[in-house]
């Protein structure tokens, strides 16, 4: 149980940081539920890192998130797994809408969003020192004003590998994000 404290322009906000868990089958299945939140401080640099072709004449707003989630995690036949469902609210969520007046520019627009999420991930050690990691996520956005969550992914798929050598002193890794 905890709290996340964030401040911006003399405004202080408290966000929850709570997680409860219970072992259902020792080591194999653990059920959990939690609540969290954060203030994502946006600036031109992190917005342009997401989509480099944004217009330089954008209003910059921070995004406040509150999330509530639950799921199960554990280990089964050498695979670690985590399956989660959640609900998230976002105030001033940054969306990237194509500016039709220019060839390749996007305007940053903000909206309040409710986001339902489903996530699943797994990790397996295939041989000593080498682990394979995979995750998939589905986001269902519901927005107050905009037609859709402009250029935010509804589906994500990530695959990665980790290889530890030299008594775990050197770690090589590769990741693919879709």
Protein backbone atom coordinates (compact mmCIF):
# COMPACT_ATOMS: atom_id res chain seq x y z
CA UNK A 1 0.00 0.00 0.00
CA UNK A 2 1.37 3.36 -0.93
CA UNK A 3 0.82 6.61 -2.74
CA UNK A 4 2.46 8.34 -5.67
CA UNK A 5 2.92 12.07 -5.17
CA UNK A 6 3.22 14.31 -8.25
CA UNK A 7 3.36 18.07 -8.61
CA UNK A 8 3.06 20.47 -11.50
CA UNK A 9 2.72 24.27 -11.43
CA UNK A 10 2.14 24.33 -7.66
CA UNK A 11 -0.61 21.68 -7.94
CA UNK A 12 0.05 18.57 -5.87
CA UNK A 13 -1.76 15.34 -6.73
CA UNK A 14 -1.87 12.04 -4.91
CA UNK A 15 -2.26 8.81 -6.87
CA UNK A 16 -2.91 5.38 -5.33
CA UNK A 17 -0.32 2.61 -5.41
CA UNK A 18 -2.04 -0.47 -3.95
CA UNK A 19 -1.83 -4.16 -4.78
CA UNK A 20 -3.34 -7.12 -2.96
CA UNK A 21 -2.49 -10.70 -3.83
CA UNK A 22 -3.41 -14.17 -2.63
CA UNK A 23 -1.85 -17.54 -3.44
CA UNK A 24 -4.46 -19.85 -4.93
CA UNK A 25 -2.12 -22.75 -5.77
CA UNK A 26 1.28 -22.28 -4.14
CA UNK A 27 3.83 -21.13 -6.73
CA UNK A 28 1.53 -21.89 -9.66
CA UNK A 29 -1.40 -19.46 -9.39
CA UNK A 30 -1.56 -16.13 -7.58
CA UNK A 31 -4.59 -13.85 -7.92
CA UNK A 32 -4.04 -10.13 -7.59
CA UNK A 33 -5.87 -6.80 -7.80
CA UNK A 34 -4.63 -3.26 -7.56
CA UNK A 35 -4.99 0.43 -8.21
CA UNK A 36 -2.40 2.92 -9.36
CA UNK A 37 -1.92 6.28 -10.93
CA UNK A 38 0.66 8.66 -12.26
CA UNK A 39 1.18 12.04 -13.86
CA UNK A 40 2.96 11.80 -17.20
CA UNK A 41 4.78 15.06 -17.72
CA UNK A 42 4.64 15.77 -21.43
CA UNK A 43 7.01 18.02 -23.33
CA UNK A 44 7.77 18.56 -26.99
CA UNK A 45 10.64 16.07 -26.88
CA UNK A 46 8.70 13.06 -25.55
CA UNK A 47 5.71 13.82 -27.78
CA UNK A 48 8.03 14.03 -30.82
CA UNK A 49 9.79 10.80 -29.78
CA UNK A 50 6.45 9.03 -30.19
CA UNK A 51 5.64 10.62 -33.56
CA UNK A 52 8.52 12.74 -34.95
CA UNK A 53 6.34 14.65 -37.41
CA UNK A 54 4.33 16.74 -34.96
CA UNK A 55 3.66 20.39 -35.51
CA UNK A 56 5.81 22.71 -33.40
CA UNK A 57 2.73 24.81 -32.57
CA UNK A 58 1.07 22.51 -30.07
CA UNK A 59 -0.20 23.15 -26.58
CA UNK A 60 1.59 20.90 -24.12
CA UNK A 61 -0.51 19.32 -21.35
CA UNK A 62 0.35 16.66 -18.79
CA UNK A 63 -1.63 13.41 -18.66
CA UNK A 64 -3.05 12.10 -15.38
CA UNK A 65 -3.73 8.35 -15.22
CA UNK A 66 -5.74 6.28 -12.73
CA UNK A 67 -5.73 2.52 -13.25
CA UNK A 68 -7.55 -0.42 -11.67
CA UNK A 69 -6.56 -3.97 -12.56
CA UNK A 70 -6.74 -7.61 -11.61
CA UNK A 71 -5.43 -10.90 -12.85
CA UNK A 72 -3.52 -14.09 -12.20
CA UNK A 73 0.18 -14.89 -12.42
CA UNK A 74 2.43 -17.78 -11.62
CA UNK A 75 4.57 -20.55 -13.05
CA UNK A 76 3.42 -23.57 -15.03
CA UNK A 77 5.80 -26.20 -16.48
CA UNK A 78 8.75 -23.79 -16.61
CA UNK A 79 6.78 -20.83 -18.00
CA UNK A 80 6.17 -17.71 -15.93
CA UNK A 81 2.87 -16.11 -16.94
CA UNK A 82 0.75 -13.07 -16.13
CA UNK A 83 -2.81 -12.51 -17.39
CA UNK A 84 -4.43 -9.17 -16.55
CA UNK A 85 -7.58 -7.16 -17.20
CA UNK A 86 -7.84 -3.51 -16.26
CA UNK A 87 -9.57 -0.20 -16.56
CA UNK A 88 -7.72 3.09 -16.87
CA UNK A 89 -8.87 6.69 -17.00
CA UNK A 90 -6.70 9.39 -18.57
CA UNK A 91 -7.18 13.14 -18.29
CA UNK A 92 -5.64 15.07 -21.21
CA UNK A 93 -4.49 11.99 -23.11
CA UNK A 94 -2.24 13.06 -26.02
CA UNK A 95 -3.56 11.94 -29.42
CA UNK A 96 -1.84 12.50 -32.76
CA UNK A 97 -4.22 13.75 -35.43
CA UNK A 98 -3.02 14.14 -39.00
CA UNK A 99 -2.97 17.78 -40.12
CA UNK A 100 -4.56 17.70 -43.58
CA UNK A 101 -3.19 21.16 -44.43
CA UNK A 102 0.38 19.87 -44.59
CA UNK A 103 1.94 16.80 -46.14
CA UNK A 104 3.43 15.07 -43.12
CA UNK A 105 2.52 16.86 -39.91
CA UNK A 106 0.45 15.80 -36.93
CA UNK A 107 -1.31 18.00 -34.40
CA UNK A 108 -1.38 16.91 -30.78
CA UNK A 109 -4.95 16.96 -29.49
CA UNK A 110 -6.03 16.06 -25.96
CA UNK A 111 -9.07 14.20 -24.71
CA UNK A 112 -10.32 12.47 -21.60
CA UNK A 113 -10.33 8.71 -22.11
CA UNK A 114 -11.52 5.51 -20.51
CA UNK A 115 -9.36 2.57 -21.56
CA UNK A 116 -10.21 -1.09 -21.02
CA UNK A 117 -7.09 -3.28 -21.25
CA UNK A 118 -6.39 -6.98 -21.61
CA UNK A 119 -2.77 -8.17 -21.29
CA UNK A 120 -0.94 -11.47 -21.25
CA UNK A 121 2.78 -12.15 -20.94
CA UNK A 122 5.03 -15.14 -20.56
CA UNK A 123 8.70 -15.83 -19.97
CA UNK A 124 10.51 -19.13 -20.40
CA UNK A 125 14.12 -20.10 -19.81
CA UNK A 126 14.92 -22.20 -22.86
CA UNK A 127 18.42 -23.14 -21.67
CA UNK A 128 20.78 -21.90 -18.99
CA UNK A 129 21.28 -18.17 -19.38
CA UNK A 130 18.75 -17.69 -22.22
CA UNK A 131 15.18 -16.50 -21.65
CA UNK A 132 12.45 -15.76 -24.17
CA UNK A 133 9.81 -13.17 -23.29
CA UNK A 134 6.53 -12.47 -25.11
CA UNK A 135 3.56 -10.21 -24.38
CA UNK A 136 0.34 -9.17 -26.08
CA UNK A 137 -2.04 -6.37 -25.12
CA UNK A 138 -5.39 -5.07 -26.32
CA UNK A 139 -6.57 -1.52 -25.54
CA UNK A 140 -10.17 -0.45 -26.09
CA UNK A 141 -10.40 3.36 -25.97
CA UNK A 142 -13.55 5.33 -25.20
CA UNK A 143 -13.06 9.08 -25.69
CA UNK A 144 -15.16 12.07 -24.65
CA UNK A 145 -14.76 14.26 -27.77
CA UNK A 146 -12.58 12.64 -30.44
CA UNK A 147 -13.81 9.99 -32.88
CA UNK A 148 -10.94 7.63 -32.14
CA UNK A 149 -7.63 7.36 -30.27
CA UNK A 150 -5.60 8.90 -33.11
CA UNK A 151 -2.37 6.94 -33.64
CA UNK A 152 -2.41 5.14 -30.29
CA UNK A 153 -2.13 1.37 -30.66
CA UNK A 154 -5.15 -0.81 -29.97
CA UNK A 155 -3.05 -4.00 -30.17
CA UNK A 156 0.56 -4.45 -29.06
CA UNK A 157 2.83 -7.46 -29.44
CA UNK A 158 6.33 -7.63 -27.97
CA UNK A 159 8.90 -10.43 -28.25
CA UNK A 160 12.32 -10.42 -26.69
CA UNK A 161 15.26 -12.54 -25.68
CA UNK A 162 17.82 -12.26 -22.88
CA UNK A 163 21.16 -14.06 -22.78
CA UNK A 164 23.40 -13.88 -19.71
CA UNK A 165 27.05 -14.90 -20.01
CA UNK A 166 30.25 -14.59 -17.99
CA UNK A 167 28.54 -15.53 -14.70
CA UNK A 168 25.71 -13.03 -15.32
CA UNK A 169 28.15 -10.11 -15.68
CA UNK A 170 27.29 -9.58 -19.36
CA UNK A 171 23.73 -9.52 -20.64
CA UNK A 172 22.76 -9.44 -24.30
CA UNK A 173 19.18 -8.71 -25.27
CA UNK A 174 17.01 -8.06 -28.29
CA UNK A 175 13.41 -6.86 -28.46
CA UNK A 176 10.83 -6.51 -31.22
CA UNK A 177 7.83 -4.23 -30.69
CA UNK A 178 4.76 -4.39 -32.91
